[in-house]
């Protein structure tokens, strides 16, 4: 896997206000290529809000986030791969159909779609349920499908992961750690909001 560009992500004097409450204030950070960041803190400390700000989904009350010189939220969104609580799959579609859809969405050459999807299904351990509607899959299997989408098709500078280990068994967690490591080595930045230790080397950013 390769990524689009190798630039740091920086924040200057970032303030988050939600529902009239200041969640965090004057936050500064710099995330470097090939770095994994474990975003930690109690419930309500703003972990998900910060991920959404980095992605461009949420505007800060004040301050700036930059990818190199890119400040515009819409432009930042094109450089981000997102894995949130929703798996971004239609329950009537099978894992194979889902991956085919994303392959076409992200511009994979038609001749390469089937081979790439088959590889992705094998890599995340879903080949045996590849043609079963996702509504019949377990939460962990749907999580694996979301991971396959992110890892296989979303070639971005930054992965933003919200509780990425949730619903995964130990094998699934080991798989995700391996994919995060592979992505990092390729030059990517990973920012993961988590209550559970990631189990890999990471810089810690704690919100209070």
N, C-alpha and C. Protein backbone atom coordinates (compact mmCIF):
# COMPACT_ATOMS: atom_id res chain seq x y z
N UNK A 1 0.84 -1.20 0.00
CA UNK A 1 0.00 0.00 0.00
C UNK A 1 0.87 1.24 0.00
N UNK A 2 0.45 2.24 -0.73
CA UNK A 2 1.11 3.54 -0.72
C UNK A 2 0.10 4.58 -0.27
N UNK A 3 0.59 5.77 0.06
CA UNK A 3 -0.30 6.85 0.44
C UNK A 3 -0.08 8.01 -0.50
N UNK A 4 -0.99 9.01 -0.43
CA UNK A 4 -0.96 10.09 -1.39
C UNK A 4 0.24 11.00 -1.18
N UNK A 5 0.52 11.35 0.04
CA UNK A 5 1.57 12.31 0.31
C UNK A 5 2.14 12.08 1.69
N UNK A 6 3.30 12.59 1.96
CA UNK A 6 3.96 12.39 3.24
C UNK A 6 4.19 13.73 3.91
N UNK A 7 3.19 14.23 4.57
CA UNK A 7 3.26 15.50 5.26
C UNK A 7 2.72 15.34 6.67
N UNK A 8 3.20 16.15 7.61
CA UNK A 8 2.65 16.09 8.97
C UNK A 8 1.25 16.67 9.04
N UNK A 9 0.54 16.32 10.09
CA UNK A 9 -0.75 16.93 10.42
C UNK A 9 -0.52 17.76 11.68
N UNK A 10 -0.88 19.02 11.63
CA UNK A 10 -0.65 19.90 12.77
C UNK A 10 -1.94 20.60 13.17
N UNK A 11 -2.02 20.92 14.46
CA UNK A 11 -3.13 21.71 14.99
C UNK A 11 -2.57 22.85 15.80
N UNK A 12 -3.19 24.02 15.67
CA UNK A 12 -2.75 25.21 16.38
C UNK A 12 -3.93 25.81 17.15
N UNK A 13 -3.80 25.84 18.47
CA UNK A 13 -4.78 26.50 19.34
C UNK A 13 -6.21 26.05 19.06
N UNK A 14 -6.39 24.74 18.99
CA UNK A 14 -7.67 24.15 18.60
C UNK A 14 -8.62 24.13 19.79
N UNK A 15 -9.81 24.68 19.59
CA UNK A 15 -10.84 24.69 20.63
C UNK A 15 -12.11 24.06 20.09
N UNK A 16 -12.71 23.18 20.91
CA UNK A 16 -13.93 22.48 20.54
C UNK A 16 -15.04 22.86 21.50
N UNK A 17 -16.18 23.30 20.95
CA UNK A 17 -17.36 23.60 21.74
C UNK A 17 -18.52 22.79 21.18
N UNK A 18 -19.17 22.02 22.04
CA UNK A 18 -20.32 21.22 21.62
C UNK A 18 -21.49 21.48 22.57
N UNK A 19 -22.63 21.86 22.02
CA UNK A 19 -23.80 22.12 22.84
C UNK A 19 -23.59 23.21 23.87
N UNK A 20 -22.77 24.20 23.52
CA UNK A 20 -22.49 25.30 24.43
C UNK A 20 -21.45 25.00 25.49
N UNK A 21 -20.88 23.79 25.47
CA UNK A 21 -19.87 23.39 26.45
C UNK A 21 -18.50 23.30 25.78
N UNK A 22 -17.50 23.91 26.41
CA UNK A 22 -16.14 23.79 25.90
C UNK A 22 -15.59 22.42 26.25
N UNK A 23 -15.31 21.64 25.22
CA UNK A 23 -14.84 20.26 25.41
C UNK A 23 -13.32 20.24 25.62
N UNK A 24 -12.59 20.95 24.77
CA UNK A 24 -11.17 21.18 24.99
C UNK A 24 -10.80 22.53 24.41
N UNK A 25 -9.67 23.07 24.87
CA UNK A 25 -9.28 24.42 24.49
C UNK A 25 -7.78 24.49 24.20
N UNK A 26 -7.41 25.27 23.18
CA UNK A 26 -6.01 25.59 22.87
C UNK A 26 -5.16 24.33 22.74
N UNK A 27 -5.67 23.35 22.01
CA UNK A 27 -4.95 22.10 21.79
C UNK A 27 -3.98 22.26 20.62
N UNK A 28 -2.74 21.84 20.83
CA UNK A 28 -1.72 21.88 19.78
C UNK A 28 -1.10 20.49 19.64
N UNK A 29 -0.86 20.09 18.39
CA UNK A 29 -0.15 18.82 18.18
C UNK A 29 0.48 18.81 16.79
N UNK A 30 1.37 17.87 16.60
CA UNK A 30 2.00 17.63 15.30
C UNK A 30 2.18 16.13 15.14
N UNK A 31 1.49 15.54 14.17
CA UNK A 31 1.59 14.12 13.87
C UNK A 31 2.45 13.94 12.63
N UNK A 32 3.44 13.10 12.73
CA UNK A 32 4.39 12.91 11.63
C UNK A 32 4.06 11.66 10.81
N UNK A 33 4.48 11.63 9.53
CA UNK A 33 4.36 10.40 8.74
C UNK A 33 5.03 9.23 9.46
N UNK A 34 4.48 8.04 9.27
CA UNK A 34 4.94 6.80 9.89
C UNK A 34 4.76 6.82 11.41
N UNK A 35 3.71 7.52 11.86
CA UNK A 35 3.44 7.62 13.29
C UNK A 35 2.03 7.12 13.59
N UNK A 36 1.92 6.36 14.68
CA UNK A 36 0.62 5.95 15.20
C UNK A 36 0.37 6.74 16.47
N UNK A 37 -0.80 7.34 16.56
CA UNK A 37 -1.17 8.16 17.72
C UNK A 37 -2.35 7.50 18.42
N UNK A 38 -2.19 7.21 19.71
CA UNK A 38 -3.28 6.69 20.53
C UNK A 38 -3.95 7.86 21.23
N UNK A 39 -5.17 8.15 20.82
CA UNK A 39 -5.92 9.28 21.36
C UNK A 39 -6.75 8.77 22.54
N UNK A 40 -6.44 9.23 23.73
CA UNK A 40 -7.02 8.66 24.93
C UNK A 40 -7.70 9.73 25.78
N UNK A 41 -8.52 9.29 26.71
CA UNK A 41 -9.22 10.20 27.61
C UNK A 41 -10.57 9.63 28.00
N UNK A 42 -11.17 10.16 29.05
CA UNK A 42 -12.47 9.66 29.51
C UNK A 42 -13.59 10.00 28.54
N UNK A 43 -14.73 9.37 28.73
CA UNK A 43 -15.91 9.71 27.93
C UNK A 43 -16.21 11.20 28.07
N UNK A 44 -16.51 11.83 26.93
CA UNK A 44 -16.84 13.26 26.95
C UNK A 44 -15.64 14.18 26.84
N UNK A 45 -14.45 13.61 26.74
CA UNK A 45 -13.25 14.46 26.66
C UNK A 45 -13.00 15.00 25.26
N UNK A 46 -13.74 14.47 24.26
CA UNK A 46 -13.64 15.04 22.92
C UNK A 46 -12.85 14.22 21.92
N UNK A 47 -12.64 12.94 22.19
CA UNK A 47 -11.84 12.12 21.28
C UNK A 47 -12.49 12.02 19.90
N UNK A 48 -13.77 11.64 19.87
CA UNK A 48 -14.45 11.53 18.58
C UNK A 48 -14.58 12.89 17.91
N UNK A 49 -14.84 13.92 18.69
CA UNK A 49 -14.95 15.27 18.12
C UNK A 49 -13.63 15.69 17.46
N UNK A 50 -12.51 15.35 18.10
CA UNK A 50 -11.22 15.69 17.51
C UNK A 50 -11.00 14.94 16.21
N UNK A 51 -11.34 13.66 16.18
CA UNK A 51 -11.22 12.91 14.93
C UNK A 51 -12.07 13.56 13.84
N UNK A 52 -13.27 13.95 14.18
CA UNK A 52 -14.17 14.57 13.20
C UNK A 52 -13.64 15.93 12.73
N UNK A 53 -12.96 16.65 13.61
CA UNK A 53 -12.33 17.90 13.21
C UNK A 53 -11.20 17.66 12.22
N UNK A 54 -10.36 16.67 12.53
CA UNK A 54 -9.25 16.36 11.64
C UNK A 54 -9.77 15.96 10.26
N UNK A 55 -10.87 15.18 10.25
CA UNK A 55 -11.45 14.71 8.99
C UNK A 55 -12.13 15.82 8.21
N UNK A 56 -12.46 16.93 8.89
CA UNK A 56 -13.18 18.01 8.23
C UNK A 56 -14.68 17.91 8.37
N UNK A 57 -15.17 16.94 9.18
CA UNK A 57 -16.60 16.79 9.38
C UNK A 57 -17.16 17.84 10.36
N UNK A 58 -16.29 18.37 11.20
CA UNK A 58 -16.71 19.28 12.26
C UNK A 58 -15.75 20.47 12.29
N UNK A 59 -16.30 21.66 12.37
CA UNK A 59 -15.47 22.87 12.42
C UNK A 59 -15.09 23.19 13.87
N UNK A 60 -13.83 23.55 14.12
CA UNK A 60 -13.45 23.96 15.47
C UNK A 60 -14.03 25.33 15.80
N UNK A 61 -14.21 25.57 17.08
CA UNK A 61 -14.64 26.90 17.52
C UNK A 61 -13.58 27.93 17.19
N UNK A 62 -12.31 27.54 17.35
CA UNK A 62 -11.19 28.39 16.98
C UNK A 62 -9.98 27.51 16.73
N UNK A 63 -8.99 28.08 16.08
CA UNK A 63 -7.78 27.34 15.76
C UNK A 63 -7.81 26.75 14.36
N UNK A 64 -6.72 26.08 13.98
CA UNK A 64 -6.56 25.56 12.62
C UNK A 64 -5.95 24.17 12.65
N UNK A 65 -6.35 23.35 11.68
CA UNK A 65 -5.72 22.06 11.41
C UNK A 65 -5.16 22.12 10.01
N UNK A 66 -3.94 21.63 9.84
CA UNK A 66 -3.29 21.67 8.54
C UNK A 66 -2.72 20.30 8.18
N UNK A 67 -2.92 19.90 6.93
CA UNK A 67 -2.17 18.81 6.32
C UNK A 67 -1.21 19.50 5.36
N UNK A 68 0.07 19.57 5.74
CA UNK A 68 1.01 20.42 5.00
C UNK A 68 0.42 21.82 5.00
N UNK A 69 0.06 22.36 3.83
CA UNK A 69 -0.52 23.70 3.77
C UNK A 69 -2.03 23.67 3.55
N UNK A 70 -2.62 22.48 3.57
CA UNK A 70 -4.05 22.35 3.33
C UNK A 70 -4.81 22.63 4.61
N UNK A 71 -5.63 23.67 4.60
CA UNK A 71 -6.44 24.05 5.76
C UNK A 71 -7.91 23.79 5.50
N UNK A 72 -8.37 23.96 4.24
CA UNK A 72 -9.76 23.81 3.89
C UNK A 72 -10.31 22.44 4.29
N UNK A 73 -11.46 22.42 4.97
CA UNK A 73 -12.01 21.17 5.49
C UNK A 73 -12.35 20.19 4.37
N UNK A 74 -12.92 20.67 3.29
CA UNK A 74 -13.30 19.78 2.19
C UNK A 74 -12.07 19.14 1.56
N UNK A 75 -11.02 19.91 1.39
CA UNK A 75 -9.79 19.37 0.82
C UNK A 75 -9.13 18.36 1.76
N UNK A 76 -9.18 18.64 3.06
CA UNK A 76 -8.62 17.68 4.03
C UNK A 76 -9.35 16.35 3.96
N UNK A 77 -10.66 16.42 3.75
CA UNK A 77 -11.44 15.19 3.70
C UNK A 77 -10.97 14.22 2.63
N UNK A 78 -10.39 14.74 1.57
CA UNK A 78 -9.90 13.88 0.49
C UNK A 78 -8.62 13.15 0.87
N UNK A 79 -8.01 13.55 1.98
CA UNK A 79 -6.75 12.95 2.41
C UNK A 79 -6.93 12.02 3.61
N UNK A 80 -8.19 11.75 3.96
CA UNK A 80 -8.48 11.02 5.19
C UNK A 80 -9.23 9.72 4.89
N UNK A 81 -8.84 8.67 5.59
CA UNK A 81 -9.60 7.42 5.61
C UNK A 81 -10.24 7.28 6.98
N UNK A 82 -11.54 7.00 7.03
CA UNK A 82 -12.32 7.03 8.27
C UNK A 82 -12.86 5.64 8.61
N UNK A 83 -12.68 5.25 9.87
CA UNK A 83 -13.31 4.03 10.38
C UNK A 83 -13.99 4.41 11.69
N UNK A 84 -15.32 4.54 11.64
CA UNK A 84 -16.07 4.94 12.83
C UNK A 84 -16.90 3.81 13.37
N UNK A 85 -17.91 4.17 14.16
CA UNK A 85 -18.77 3.15 14.77
C UNK A 85 -19.69 2.51 13.74
N UNK A 86 -20.05 3.26 12.70
CA UNK A 86 -20.86 2.71 11.62
C UNK A 86 -19.94 2.08 10.58
N UNK A 87 -20.29 0.86 10.15
CA UNK A 87 -19.38 0.14 9.25
C UNK A 87 -19.47 0.57 7.80
N UNK A 88 -20.42 1.44 7.46
CA UNK A 88 -20.59 1.93 6.07
C UNK A 88 -20.85 0.78 5.11
N UNK A 89 -21.73 -0.14 5.52
CA UNK A 89 -22.14 -1.24 4.65
C UNK A 89 -23.66 -1.34 4.67
N UNK A 90 -24.23 -1.71 3.52
CA UNK A 90 -25.67 -1.97 3.44
C UNK A 90 -25.92 -3.41 3.82
N UNK A 91 -26.84 -3.62 4.73
CA UNK A 91 -27.03 -4.96 5.28
C UNK A 91 -27.61 -5.95 4.28
N UNK A 92 -28.22 -5.44 3.20
CA UNK A 92 -28.77 -6.34 2.18
C UNK A 92 -27.69 -6.84 1.23
N UNK A 93 -26.55 -6.17 1.21
CA UNK A 93 -25.46 -6.54 0.30
C UNK A 93 -24.54 -7.55 0.97
N UNK A 94 -23.92 -8.38 0.17
CA UNK A 94 -22.94 -9.34 0.68
C UNK A 94 -21.58 -8.65 0.82
N UNK A 95 -20.66 -9.24 1.57
CA UNK A 95 -19.31 -8.68 1.62
C UNK A 95 -18.67 -8.53 0.24
N UNK A 96 -18.87 -9.52 -0.61
CA UNK A 96 -18.30 -9.43 -1.96
C UNK A 96 -18.89 -8.25 -2.73
N UNK A 97 -20.20 -8.11 -2.67
CA UNK A 97 -20.86 -6.99 -3.37
C UNK A 97 -20.41 -5.66 -2.79
N UNK A 98 -20.25 -5.61 -1.48
CA UNK A 98 -19.82 -4.37 -0.83
C UNK A 98 -18.44 -3.96 -1.31
N UNK A 99 -17.52 -4.90 -1.35
CA UNK A 99 -16.16 -4.57 -1.78
C UNK A 99 -16.11 -4.22 -3.26
N UNK A 100 -16.93 -4.88 -4.07
CA UNK A 100 -17.02 -4.50 -5.48
C UNK A 100 -17.48 -3.05 -5.62
N UNK A 101 -18.48 -2.67 -4.82
CA UNK A 101 -19.00 -1.30 -4.86
C UNK A 101 -17.89 -0.31 -4.53
N UNK A 102 -17.14 -0.56 -3.46
CA UNK A 102 -16.10 0.37 -3.07
C UNK A 102 -14.93 0.36 -4.06
N UNK A 103 -14.66 -0.77 -4.65
CA UNK A 103 -13.60 -0.82 -5.67
C UNK A 103 -13.93 0.11 -6.82
N UNK A 104 -15.17 0.09 -7.26
CA UNK A 104 -15.57 0.97 -8.36
C UNK A 104 -15.62 2.42 -7.90
N UNK A 105 -16.10 2.64 -6.67
CA UNK A 105 -16.18 3.99 -6.14
C UNK A 105 -14.81 4.65 -6.09
N UNK A 106 -13.80 3.88 -5.72
CA UNK A 106 -12.45 4.43 -5.60
C UNK A 106 -11.61 4.27 -6.87
N UNK A 107 -12.27 3.91 -7.97
CA UNK A 107 -11.62 3.97 -9.26
C UNK A 107 -10.69 2.81 -9.59
N UNK A 108 -10.92 1.65 -9.00
CA UNK A 108 -10.12 0.47 -9.35
C UNK A 108 -10.45 0.06 -10.78
N UNK A 109 -9.43 -0.28 -11.54
CA UNK A 109 -9.63 -0.73 -12.92
C UNK A 109 -10.55 -1.94 -12.94
N UNK A 110 -11.48 -1.98 -13.90
CA UNK A 110 -12.48 -3.05 -13.96
C UNK A 110 -11.84 -4.43 -13.98
N UNK A 111 -10.72 -4.53 -14.70
CA UNK A 111 -10.06 -5.84 -14.81
C UNK A 111 -9.46 -6.32 -13.51
N UNK A 112 -9.24 -5.39 -12.57
CA UNK A 112 -8.58 -5.76 -11.31
C UNK A 112 -9.55 -5.93 -10.14
N UNK A 113 -10.83 -5.59 -10.35
CA UNK A 113 -11.78 -5.57 -9.24
C UNK A 113 -11.92 -6.93 -8.57
N UNK A 114 -12.18 -7.98 -9.35
CA UNK A 114 -12.46 -9.30 -8.76
C UNK A 114 -11.25 -9.83 -7.99
N UNK A 115 -10.08 -9.70 -8.56
CA UNK A 115 -8.88 -10.20 -7.89
C UNK A 115 -8.62 -9.45 -6.60
N UNK A 116 -8.80 -8.13 -6.63
CA UNK A 116 -8.54 -7.32 -5.45
C UNK A 116 -9.56 -7.62 -4.35
N UNK A 117 -10.82 -7.79 -4.73
CA UNK A 117 -11.86 -8.10 -3.74
C UNK A 117 -11.62 -9.47 -3.11
N UNK A 118 -11.25 -10.43 -3.93
CA UNK A 118 -10.98 -11.78 -3.41
C UNK A 118 -9.82 -11.75 -2.42
N UNK A 119 -8.78 -11.01 -2.75
CA UNK A 119 -7.64 -10.88 -1.84
C UNK A 119 -8.06 -10.22 -0.53
N UNK A 120 -8.88 -9.18 -0.62
CA UNK A 120 -9.33 -8.49 0.58
C UNK A 120 -10.15 -9.40 1.47
N UNK A 121 -11.04 -10.19 0.88
CA UNK A 121 -11.88 -11.12 1.65
C UNK A 121 -11.02 -12.15 2.38
N UNK A 122 -10.02 -12.66 1.69
CA UNK A 122 -9.13 -13.64 2.30
C UNK A 122 -8.31 -13.00 3.43
N UNK A 123 -7.85 -11.77 3.21
CA UNK A 123 -6.97 -11.11 4.17
C UNK A 123 -7.67 -10.86 5.49
N UNK A 124 -8.98 -10.57 5.46
CA UNK A 124 -9.69 -10.29 6.70
C UNK A 124 -10.52 -11.48 7.19
N UNK A 125 -10.37 -12.62 6.55
CA UNK A 125 -11.02 -13.84 7.02
C UNK A 125 -12.51 -13.91 6.76
N UNK A 126 -12.97 -13.36 5.64
CA UNK A 126 -14.40 -13.36 5.33
C UNK A 126 -14.74 -14.15 4.07
N UNK A 127 -13.82 -14.92 3.56
CA UNK A 127 -14.08 -15.62 2.30
C UNK A 127 -15.25 -16.60 2.43
N UNK A 128 -15.37 -17.26 3.56
CA UNK A 128 -16.43 -18.27 3.73
C UNK A 128 -17.81 -17.65 3.82
N UNK A 129 -17.90 -16.37 4.16
CA UNK A 129 -19.21 -15.70 4.24
C UNK A 129 -19.32 -14.61 3.19
N UNK A 130 -18.52 -14.69 2.15
CA UNK A 130 -18.43 -13.63 1.15
C UNK A 130 -19.75 -13.38 0.43
N UNK A 131 -20.62 -14.41 0.32
CA UNK A 131 -21.86 -14.27 -0.43
C UNK A 131 -23.10 -14.33 0.47
N UNK A 132 -22.88 -14.05 1.75
CA UNK A 132 -23.97 -13.99 2.72
C UNK A 132 -24.30 -12.52 3.00
N UNK A 133 -25.58 -12.17 3.01
CA UNK A 133 -25.96 -10.79 3.29
C UNK A 133 -25.37 -10.34 4.62
N UNK A 134 -24.85 -9.13 4.67
CA UNK A 134 -24.14 -8.69 5.87
C UNK A 134 -25.04 -8.57 7.09
N UNK A 135 -26.35 -8.52 6.89
CA UNK A 135 -27.25 -8.49 8.05
C UNK A 135 -27.16 -9.76 8.88
N UNK A 136 -26.63 -10.83 8.28
CA UNK A 136 -26.49 -12.09 9.00
C UNK A 136 -25.10 -12.27 9.60
N UNK A 137 -24.22 -11.32 9.39
CA UNK A 137 -22.88 -11.41 9.95
C UNK A 137 -22.87 -10.90 11.39
N UNK A 138 -21.89 -11.34 12.15
CA UNK A 138 -21.71 -10.83 13.50
C UNK A 138 -21.15 -9.41 13.43
N UNK A 139 -21.20 -8.71 14.56
CA UNK A 139 -20.62 -7.36 14.61
C UNK A 139 -19.14 -7.39 14.26
N UNK A 140 -18.44 -8.41 14.77
CA UNK A 140 -17.02 -8.52 14.47
C UNK A 140 -16.74 -8.75 13.01
N UNK A 141 -17.58 -9.55 12.34
CA UNK A 141 -17.40 -9.79 10.91
C UNK A 141 -17.69 -8.53 10.11
N UNK A 142 -18.71 -7.78 10.51
CA UNK A 142 -18.98 -6.51 9.81
C UNK A 142 -17.83 -5.53 10.03
N UNK A 143 -17.23 -5.58 11.21
CA UNK A 143 -16.07 -4.73 11.48
C UNK A 143 -14.91 -5.11 10.57
N UNK A 144 -14.71 -6.40 10.39
CA UNK A 144 -13.65 -6.87 9.48
C UNK A 144 -13.90 -6.38 8.06
N UNK A 145 -15.17 -6.37 7.64
CA UNK A 145 -15.50 -5.89 6.30
C UNK A 145 -15.17 -4.40 6.17
N UNK A 146 -15.47 -3.63 7.20
CA UNK A 146 -15.13 -2.21 7.17
C UNK A 146 -13.61 -2.01 7.12
N UNK A 147 -12.89 -2.85 7.83
CA UNK A 147 -11.43 -2.79 7.80
C UNK A 147 -10.91 -3.12 6.41
N UNK A 148 -11.52 -4.12 5.76
CA UNK A 148 -11.11 -4.48 4.40
C UNK A 148 -11.31 -3.31 3.44
N UNK A 149 -12.43 -2.62 3.58
CA UNK A 149 -12.69 -1.44 2.74
C UNK A 149 -11.61 -0.38 2.94
N UNK A 150 -11.33 -0.09 4.20
CA UNK A 150 -10.33 0.94 4.52
C UNK A 150 -8.96 0.56 4.00
N UNK A 151 -8.54 -0.65 4.30
CA UNK A 151 -7.18 -1.07 3.97
C UNK A 151 -6.96 -1.25 2.47
N UNK A 152 -7.96 -1.76 1.78
CA UNK A 152 -7.78 -2.14 0.38
C UNK A 152 -7.98 -0.98 -0.58
N UNK A 153 -8.93 -0.10 -0.29
CA UNK A 153 -9.33 0.90 -1.29
C UNK A 153 -9.09 2.35 -0.90
N UNK A 154 -8.98 2.64 0.39
CA UNK A 154 -8.89 4.03 0.82
C UNK A 154 -7.43 4.42 0.97
N UNK A 155 -6.82 4.89 -0.10
CA UNK A 155 -5.41 5.27 -0.10
C UNK A 155 -5.33 6.75 0.27
N UNK A 156 -5.02 7.01 1.52
CA UNK A 156 -5.04 8.36 2.05
C UNK A 156 -3.80 8.63 2.89
N UNK A 157 -3.59 9.89 3.23
CA UNK A 157 -2.48 10.28 4.08
C UNK A 157 -2.69 9.84 5.53
N UNK A 158 -3.94 9.92 5.99
CA UNK A 158 -4.24 9.71 7.41
C UNK A 158 -5.39 8.73 7.56
N UNK A 159 -5.22 7.78 8.46
CA UNK A 159 -6.34 6.95 8.91
C UNK A 159 -6.82 7.49 10.24
N UNK A 160 -8.12 7.72 10.37
CA UNK A 160 -8.74 8.14 11.62
C UNK A 160 -9.66 7.01 12.08
N UNK A 161 -9.35 6.44 13.22
CA UNK A 161 -10.03 5.24 13.70
C UNK A 161 -10.69 5.52 15.04
N UNK A 162 -11.99 5.31 15.11
CA UNK A 162 -12.74 5.54 16.35
C UNK A 162 -13.07 4.20 16.99
N UNK A 163 -12.41 3.90 18.12
CA UNK A 163 -12.54 2.62 18.81
C UNK A 163 -12.37 1.46 17.82
N UNK A 164 -11.22 1.37 17.17
CA UNK A 164 -11.05 0.39 16.09
C UNK A 164 -11.06 -1.06 16.54
N UNK A 165 -10.76 -1.32 17.82
CA UNK A 165 -10.71 -2.70 18.30
C UNK A 165 -12.06 -3.21 18.78
N UNK A 166 -13.06 -2.33 18.81
CA UNK A 166 -14.38 -2.72 19.30
C UNK A 166 -14.97 -3.85 18.45
N UNK A 167 -15.57 -4.82 19.10
CA UNK A 167 -16.29 -5.95 18.49
C UNK A 167 -15.37 -7.00 17.87
N UNK A 168 -14.07 -6.77 17.88
CA UNK A 168 -13.15 -7.73 17.28
C UNK A 168 -12.68 -8.75 18.30
N UNK A 169 -12.57 -10.02 17.86
CA UNK A 169 -11.95 -11.03 18.71
C UNK A 169 -10.44 -10.86 18.66
N UNK A 170 -9.72 -11.72 19.37
CA UNK A 170 -8.27 -11.56 19.43
C UNK A 170 -7.61 -11.70 18.07
N UNK A 171 -8.12 -12.60 17.25
CA UNK A 171 -7.57 -12.76 15.90
C UNK A 171 -7.81 -11.51 15.07
N UNK A 172 -9.02 -10.93 15.20
CA UNK A 172 -9.33 -9.71 14.47
C UNK A 172 -8.48 -8.54 14.93
N UNK A 173 -8.22 -8.46 16.23
CA UNK A 173 -7.38 -7.39 16.76
C UNK A 173 -5.95 -7.53 16.24
N UNK A 174 -5.46 -8.75 16.19
CA UNK A 174 -4.10 -8.98 15.67
C UNK A 174 -4.02 -8.60 14.21
N UNK A 175 -5.08 -8.92 13.45
CA UNK A 175 -5.13 -8.55 12.04
C UNK A 175 -5.09 -7.04 11.88
N UNK A 176 -5.90 -6.32 12.65
CA UNK A 176 -5.93 -4.87 12.53
C UNK A 176 -4.59 -4.26 12.91
N UNK A 177 -3.97 -4.76 13.96
CA UNK A 177 -2.65 -4.25 14.35
C UNK A 177 -1.64 -4.44 13.22
N UNK A 178 -1.70 -5.58 12.56
CA UNK A 178 -0.77 -5.84 11.46
C UNK A 178 -1.02 -4.88 10.30
N UNK A 179 -2.29 -4.60 9.99
CA UNK A 179 -2.61 -3.69 8.89
C UNK A 179 -2.23 -2.25 9.23
N UNK A 180 -2.43 -1.85 10.49
CA UNK A 180 -2.01 -0.52 10.91
C UNK A 180 -0.50 -0.38 10.77
N UNK A 181 0.22 -1.40 11.19
CA UNK A 181 1.69 -1.36 11.09
C UNK A 181 2.13 -1.28 9.63
N UNK A 182 1.49 -2.05 8.78
CA UNK A 182 1.81 -2.03 7.35
C UNK A 182 1.56 -0.65 6.75
N UNK A 183 0.44 -0.05 7.13
CA UNK A 183 0.09 1.28 6.63
C UNK A 183 1.09 2.33 7.12
N UNK A 184 1.45 2.23 8.40
CA UNK A 184 2.41 3.18 8.97
C UNK A 184 3.75 3.08 8.26
N UNK A 185 4.23 1.87 8.05
CA UNK A 185 5.51 1.67 7.38
C UNK A 185 5.48 2.25 5.96
N UNK A 186 4.30 2.26 5.34
CA UNK A 186 4.16 2.84 4.01
C UNK A 186 4.14 4.35 4.01
N UNK A 187 4.22 4.97 5.19
CA UNK A 187 4.28 6.42 5.27
C UNK A 187 3.03 7.08 5.83
N UNK A 188 2.02 6.28 6.17
CA UNK A 188 0.77 6.83 6.65
C UNK A 188 0.82 7.26 8.10
N UNK A 189 -0.14 8.09 8.47
CA UNK A 189 -0.35 8.50 9.85
C UNK A 189 -1.65 7.86 10.33
N UNK A 190 -1.63 7.28 11.51
CA UNK A 190 -2.81 6.66 12.10
C UNK A 190 -3.13 7.35 13.41
N UNK A 191 -4.35 7.85 13.54
CA UNK A 191 -4.82 8.44 14.80
C UNK A 191 -6.02 7.62 15.25
N UNK A 192 -5.89 6.96 16.40
CA UNK A 192 -6.92 6.05 16.88
C UNK A 192 -7.42 6.48 18.24
N UNK A 193 -8.71 6.80 18.33
CA UNK A 193 -9.35 7.07 19.62
C UNK A 193 -9.72 5.74 20.24
N UNK A 194 -9.25 5.50 21.46
CA UNK A 194 -9.46 4.17 22.03
C UNK A 194 -9.46 4.20 23.55
N UNK A 195 -10.28 3.33 24.13
CA UNK A 195 -10.23 3.07 25.55
C UNK A 195 -9.33 1.87 25.85
N UNK A 196 -9.09 1.07 24.82
CA UNK A 196 -8.31 -0.16 24.96
C UNK A 196 -6.92 0.06 24.37
N UNK A 197 -5.87 -0.38 25.06
CA UNK A 197 -4.53 -0.22 24.50
C UNK A 197 -4.44 -0.82 23.10
N UNK A 198 -3.80 -0.10 22.19
CA UNK A 198 -3.71 -0.58 20.82
C UNK A 198 -2.84 -1.81 20.69
N UNK A 199 -1.88 -1.95 21.58
CA UNK A 199 -1.02 -3.12 21.52
C UNK A 199 0.12 -2.98 20.54
N UNK A 200 0.36 -1.77 20.03
CA UNK A 200 1.49 -1.50 19.15
C UNK A 200 2.11 -0.18 19.61
N UNK A 201 3.34 0.06 19.17
CA UNK A 201 4.02 1.30 19.55
C UNK A 201 3.22 2.50 19.04
N UNK A 202 2.94 3.43 19.94
CA UNK A 202 2.16 4.60 19.57
C UNK A 202 2.51 5.77 20.47
N UNK A 203 2.39 6.96 19.89
CA UNK A 203 2.49 8.19 20.67
C UNK A 203 1.13 8.43 21.32
N UNK A 204 1.13 8.80 22.58
CA UNK A 204 -0.13 9.01 23.29
C UNK A 204 -0.49 10.49 23.35
N UNK A 205 -1.74 10.79 23.01
CA UNK A 205 -2.29 12.13 23.19
C UNK A 205 -3.53 11.97 24.07
N UNK A 206 -3.48 12.54 25.27
CA UNK A 206 -4.56 12.36 26.24
C UNK A 206 -5.37 13.64 26.38
N UNK A 207 -6.68 13.51 26.19
CA UNK A 207 -7.60 14.61 26.43
C UNK A 207 -8.21 14.43 27.81
N UNK A 208 -8.39 15.54 28.52
CA UNK A 208 -8.89 15.45 29.89
C UNK A 208 -10.17 16.28 30.06
